[in-house]
Amino acid sequence: MCKLENVKVGIRDLNFTAHRGKMLVRLTDGREIIVPVSFFPDIKQMSVKERNRWMILDDQYFTFENLTRVYSLLDLMRVA
């Protein structure tokens, strides 16, 4: 896990329906990050059905069934 402000944190859940046009990322410490999907053009081009096929890898990374790119928690922190 990565250390942010001396707190170990990881990705717990992704949600694309809570906020229109945005990605809600729930963290293991209870915090939430909301970022516009437009910051991630390859995710923006995916259908809602495809976006719901996400996978979390080692609490720090996420990807999708139909996507070869892997994003990290640090990628989210840079745009949040």
N, C-alpha and C. Protein backbone atom coordinates (compact mmCIF):
# COMPACT_ATOMS: atom_id res chain seq x y z
N MET A 1 0.83 -1.18 0.00
CA MET A 1 0.00 0.00 0.00
C MET A 1 0.87 1.24 0.00
N CYS A 2 0.35 2.28 -0.58
CA CYS A 2 1.09 3.54 -0.65
C CYS A 2 0.80 4.37 0.59
N LYS A 3 1.73 5.20 0.97
CA LYS A 3 1.52 6.04 2.14
C LYS A 3 1.17 7.45 1.69
N LEU A 4 0.04 7.92 2.12
CA LEU A 4 -0.38 9.29 1.89
C LEU A 4 -0.64 9.90 3.25
N GLU A 5 0.13 10.91 3.61
CA GLU A 5 -0.02 11.57 4.90
C GLU A 5 0.07 10.55 6.04
N ASN A 6 1.03 9.65 5.96
CA ASN A 6 1.28 8.62 6.97
C ASN A 6 0.10 7.68 7.21
N VAL A 7 -0.79 7.57 6.26
CA VAL A 7 -1.92 6.66 6.36
C VAL A 7 -1.81 5.67 5.21
N LYS A 8 -1.85 4.39 5.54
CA LYS A 8 -1.85 3.39 4.48
C LYS A 8 -3.23 3.38 3.85
N VAL A 9 -3.26 3.48 2.54
CA VAL A 9 -4.55 3.58 1.85
C VAL A 9 -4.50 2.79 0.55
N GLY A 10 -5.63 2.25 0.18
CA GLY A 10 -5.75 1.52 -1.07
C GLY A 10 -7.11 1.79 -1.69
N ILE A 11 -7.33 1.23 -2.85
CA ILE A 11 -8.60 1.39 -3.56
C ILE A 11 -9.54 0.26 -3.12
N ARG A 12 -10.75 0.62 -2.72
CA ARG A 12 -11.72 -0.37 -2.29
C ARG A 12 -12.79 -0.62 -3.35
N ASP A 13 -13.19 0.45 -4.09
CA ASP A 13 -14.36 0.33 -4.95
C ASP A 13 -14.36 1.46 -5.97
N LEU A 14 -14.89 1.19 -7.15
CA LEU A 14 -15.11 2.21 -8.18
C LEU A 14 -16.60 2.28 -8.47
N ASN A 15 -17.08 3.50 -8.76
CA ASN A 15 -18.49 3.67 -9.07
C ASN A 15 -18.62 4.73 -10.15
N PHE A 16 -19.32 4.39 -11.22
CA PHE A 16 -19.50 5.31 -12.34
C PHE A 16 -20.94 5.82 -12.45
N THR A 17 -21.80 5.43 -11.53
CA THR A 17 -23.21 5.84 -11.62
C THR A 17 -23.61 6.83 -10.53
N ALA A 18 -22.81 7.02 -9.51
CA ALA A 18 -23.16 7.91 -8.40
C ALA A 18 -23.19 9.38 -8.83
N HIS A 19 -22.30 9.75 -9.74
CA HIS A 19 -22.19 11.13 -10.21
C HIS A 19 -22.03 11.11 -11.73
N ARG A 20 -22.96 11.70 -12.43
CA ARG A 20 -22.93 11.70 -13.89
C ARG A 20 -21.63 12.31 -14.42
N GLY A 21 -20.97 11.54 -15.30
CA GLY A 21 -19.74 12.02 -15.92
C GLY A 21 -18.52 11.97 -15.02
N LYS A 22 -18.68 11.36 -13.86
CA LYS A 22 -17.57 11.31 -12.91
C LYS A 22 -17.34 9.88 -12.42
N MET A 23 -16.14 9.66 -11.93
CA MET A 23 -15.76 8.38 -11.36
C MET A 23 -15.58 8.59 -9.86
N LEU A 24 -16.31 7.83 -9.07
CA LEU A 24 -16.18 7.86 -7.61
C LEU A 24 -15.30 6.69 -7.20
N VAL A 25 -14.24 7.00 -6.49
CA VAL A 25 -13.31 5.97 -6.02
C VAL A 25 -13.35 5.97 -4.50
N ARG A 26 -13.76 4.86 -3.93
CA ARG A 26 -13.78 4.72 -2.47
C ARG A 26 -12.46 4.09 -2.04
N LEU A 27 -11.86 4.69 -1.02
CA LEU A 27 -10.58 4.22 -0.51
C LEU A 27 -10.77 3.37 0.73
N THR A 28 -9.77 2.58 1.05
CA THR A 28 -9.86 1.66 2.18
C THR A 28 -9.93 2.37 3.53
N ASP A 29 -9.53 3.63 3.58
CA ASP A 29 -9.60 4.37 4.84
C ASP A 29 -10.91 5.16 4.98
N GLY A 30 -11.85 4.96 4.04
CA GLY A 30 -13.15 5.61 4.11
C GLY A 30 -13.28 6.88 3.29
N ARG A 31 -12.18 7.44 2.83
CA ARG A 31 -12.26 8.65 2.00
C ARG A 31 -12.75 8.29 0.61
N GLU A 32 -13.24 9.30 -0.09
CA GLU A 32 -13.70 9.14 -1.47
C GLU A 32 -13.03 10.20 -2.35
N ILE A 33 -12.73 9.79 -3.56
CA ILE A 33 -12.18 10.70 -4.57
C ILE A 33 -13.18 10.71 -5.72
N ILE A 34 -13.54 11.91 -6.18
CA ILE A 34 -14.44 12.04 -7.33
C ILE A 34 -13.68 12.80 -8.40
N VAL A 35 -13.52 12.17 -9.56
CA VAL A 35 -12.80 12.81 -10.67
C VAL A 35 -13.63 12.71 -11.94
N PRO A 36 -13.56 13.72 -12.80
CA PRO A 36 -14.26 13.63 -14.08
C PRO A 36 -13.70 12.50 -14.93
N VAL A 37 -14.58 11.75 -15.55
CA VAL A 37 -14.16 10.67 -16.43
C VAL A 37 -13.38 11.25 -17.61
N SER A 38 -13.63 12.50 -17.96
CA SER A 38 -12.94 13.14 -19.09
C SER A 38 -11.42 13.23 -18.86
N PHE A 39 -10.96 13.12 -17.62
CA PHE A 39 -9.52 13.12 -17.35
C PHE A 39 -8.86 11.83 -17.82
N PHE A 40 -9.67 10.81 -18.12
CA PHE A 40 -9.18 9.52 -18.56
C PHE A 40 -9.87 9.17 -19.88
N PRO A 41 -9.36 9.68 -21.01
CA PRO A 41 -10.05 9.53 -22.30
C PRO A 41 -10.40 8.10 -22.69
N ASP A 42 -9.54 7.14 -22.37
CA ASP A 42 -9.85 5.76 -22.75
C ASP A 42 -11.02 5.21 -21.92
N ILE A 43 -11.15 5.64 -20.68
CA ILE A 43 -12.30 5.22 -19.86
C ILE A 43 -13.56 5.93 -20.34
N LYS A 44 -13.43 7.19 -20.70
CA LYS A 44 -14.58 7.97 -21.18
C LYS A 44 -15.20 7.33 -22.42
N GLN A 45 -14.38 6.75 -23.27
CA GLN A 45 -14.87 6.13 -24.51
C GLN A 45 -15.58 4.80 -24.26
N MET A 46 -15.43 4.23 -23.10
CA MET A 46 -16.04 2.94 -22.78
C MET A 46 -17.53 3.12 -22.51
N SER A 47 -18.30 2.09 -22.79
CA SER A 47 -19.73 2.11 -22.45
C SER A 47 -19.88 1.94 -20.94
N VAL A 48 -21.05 2.24 -20.42
CA VAL A 48 -21.32 2.07 -19.00
C VAL A 48 -21.13 0.61 -18.60
N LYS A 49 -21.57 -0.28 -19.45
CA LYS A 49 -21.43 -1.72 -19.19
C LYS A 49 -19.95 -2.10 -19.07
N GLU A 50 -19.11 -1.56 -19.97
CA GLU A 50 -17.68 -1.85 -19.94
C GLU A 50 -17.02 -1.25 -18.69
N ARG A 51 -17.46 -0.05 -18.30
CA ARG A 51 -16.90 0.59 -17.11
C ARG A 51 -17.19 -0.21 -15.84
N ASN A 52 -18.29 -0.91 -15.84
CA ASN A 52 -18.64 -1.69 -14.65
C ASN A 52 -17.87 -3.00 -14.55
N ARG A 53 -17.01 -3.27 -15.50
CA ARG A 53 -16.17 -4.48 -15.47
C ARG A 53 -14.75 -4.13 -15.02
N TRP A 54 -14.65 -3.42 -13.91
CA TRP A 54 -13.36 -2.99 -13.39
C TRP A 54 -12.77 -4.06 -12.47
N MET A 55 -11.47 -3.98 -12.29
CA MET A 55 -10.74 -4.88 -11.41
C MET A 55 -9.74 -4.07 -10.61
N ILE A 56 -9.64 -4.35 -9.33
CA ILE A 56 -8.64 -3.71 -8.48
C ILE A 56 -7.50 -4.71 -8.31
N LEU A 57 -6.28 -4.21 -8.48
CA LEU A 57 -5.09 -5.05 -8.40
C LEU A 57 -4.21 -4.57 -7.25
N ASP A 58 -3.96 -5.40 -6.27
CA ASP A 58 -3.08 -5.09 -5.14
C ASP A 58 -3.46 -3.80 -4.40
N ASP A 59 -4.72 -3.47 -4.34
CA ASP A 59 -5.23 -2.28 -3.64
C ASP A 59 -4.74 -0.95 -4.22
N GLN A 60 -3.79 -0.97 -5.11
CA GLN A 60 -3.17 0.26 -5.59
C GLN A 60 -3.46 0.58 -7.05
N TYR A 61 -3.98 -0.38 -7.79
CA TYR A 61 -4.15 -0.23 -9.23
C TYR A 61 -5.55 -0.68 -9.63
N PHE A 62 -6.01 -0.15 -10.76
CA PHE A 62 -7.27 -0.65 -11.30
C PHE A 62 -7.20 -0.65 -12.82
N THR A 63 -7.96 -1.55 -13.40
CA THR A 63 -8.05 -1.67 -14.85
C THR A 63 -9.44 -2.20 -15.18
N PHE A 64 -9.67 -2.43 -16.44
CA PHE A 64 -10.96 -2.90 -16.91
C PHE A 64 -10.78 -4.11 -17.80
N GLU A 65 -11.80 -4.92 -17.89
CA GLU A 65 -11.75 -6.15 -18.67
C GLU A 65 -11.33 -5.88 -20.12
N ASN A 66 -11.81 -4.79 -20.72
CA ASN A 66 -11.52 -4.50 -22.13
C ASN A 66 -10.47 -3.42 -22.32
N LEU A 67 -9.61 -3.21 -21.32
CA LEU A 67 -8.62 -2.15 -21.40
C LEU A 67 -7.26 -2.73 -21.03
N THR A 68 -6.23 -2.38 -21.79
CA THR A 68 -4.90 -2.89 -21.48
C THR A 68 -4.16 -2.00 -20.50
N ARG A 69 -4.56 -0.76 -20.38
CA ARG A 69 -3.89 0.17 -19.47
C ARG A 69 -4.29 -0.10 -18.02
N VAL A 70 -3.33 0.08 -17.13
CA VAL A 70 -3.57 -0.05 -15.70
C VAL A 70 -3.31 1.31 -15.06
N TYR A 71 -4.28 1.77 -14.28
CA TYR A 71 -4.16 3.05 -13.57
C TYR A 71 -3.80 2.79 -12.12
N SER A 72 -3.17 3.77 -11.49
CA SER A 72 -2.78 3.63 -10.09
C SER A 72 -3.51 4.64 -9.22
N LEU A 73 -3.46 4.41 -7.92
CA LEU A 73 -4.01 5.36 -6.97
C LEU A 73 -3.31 6.70 -7.12
N LEU A 74 -2.02 6.69 -7.39
CA LEU A 74 -1.29 7.94 -7.59
C LEU A 74 -1.79 8.69 -8.82
N ASP A 75 -2.21 7.98 -9.87
CA ASP A 75 -2.80 8.64 -11.03
C ASP A 75 -4.04 9.42 -10.62
N LEU A 76 -4.84 8.84 -9.75
CA LEU A 76 -6.06 9.51 -9.27
C LEU A 76 -5.71 10.72 -8.42
N MET A 77 -4.72 10.60 -7.58
CA MET A 77 -4.33 11.69 -6.69
C MET A 77 -3.79 12.89 -7.48
N ARG A 78 -3.20 12.63 -8.61
CA ARG A 78 -2.65 13.72 -9.43
C ARG A 78 -3.73 14.57 -10.06
N VAL A 79 -4.91 13.99 -10.29
CA VAL A 79 -5.98 14.74 -10.95
C VAL A 79 -7.06 15.19 -9.97
N ALA A 80 -7.08 14.63 -8.78
CA ALA A 80 -8.12 14.99 -7.80
C ALA A 80 -7.84 16.34 -7.18
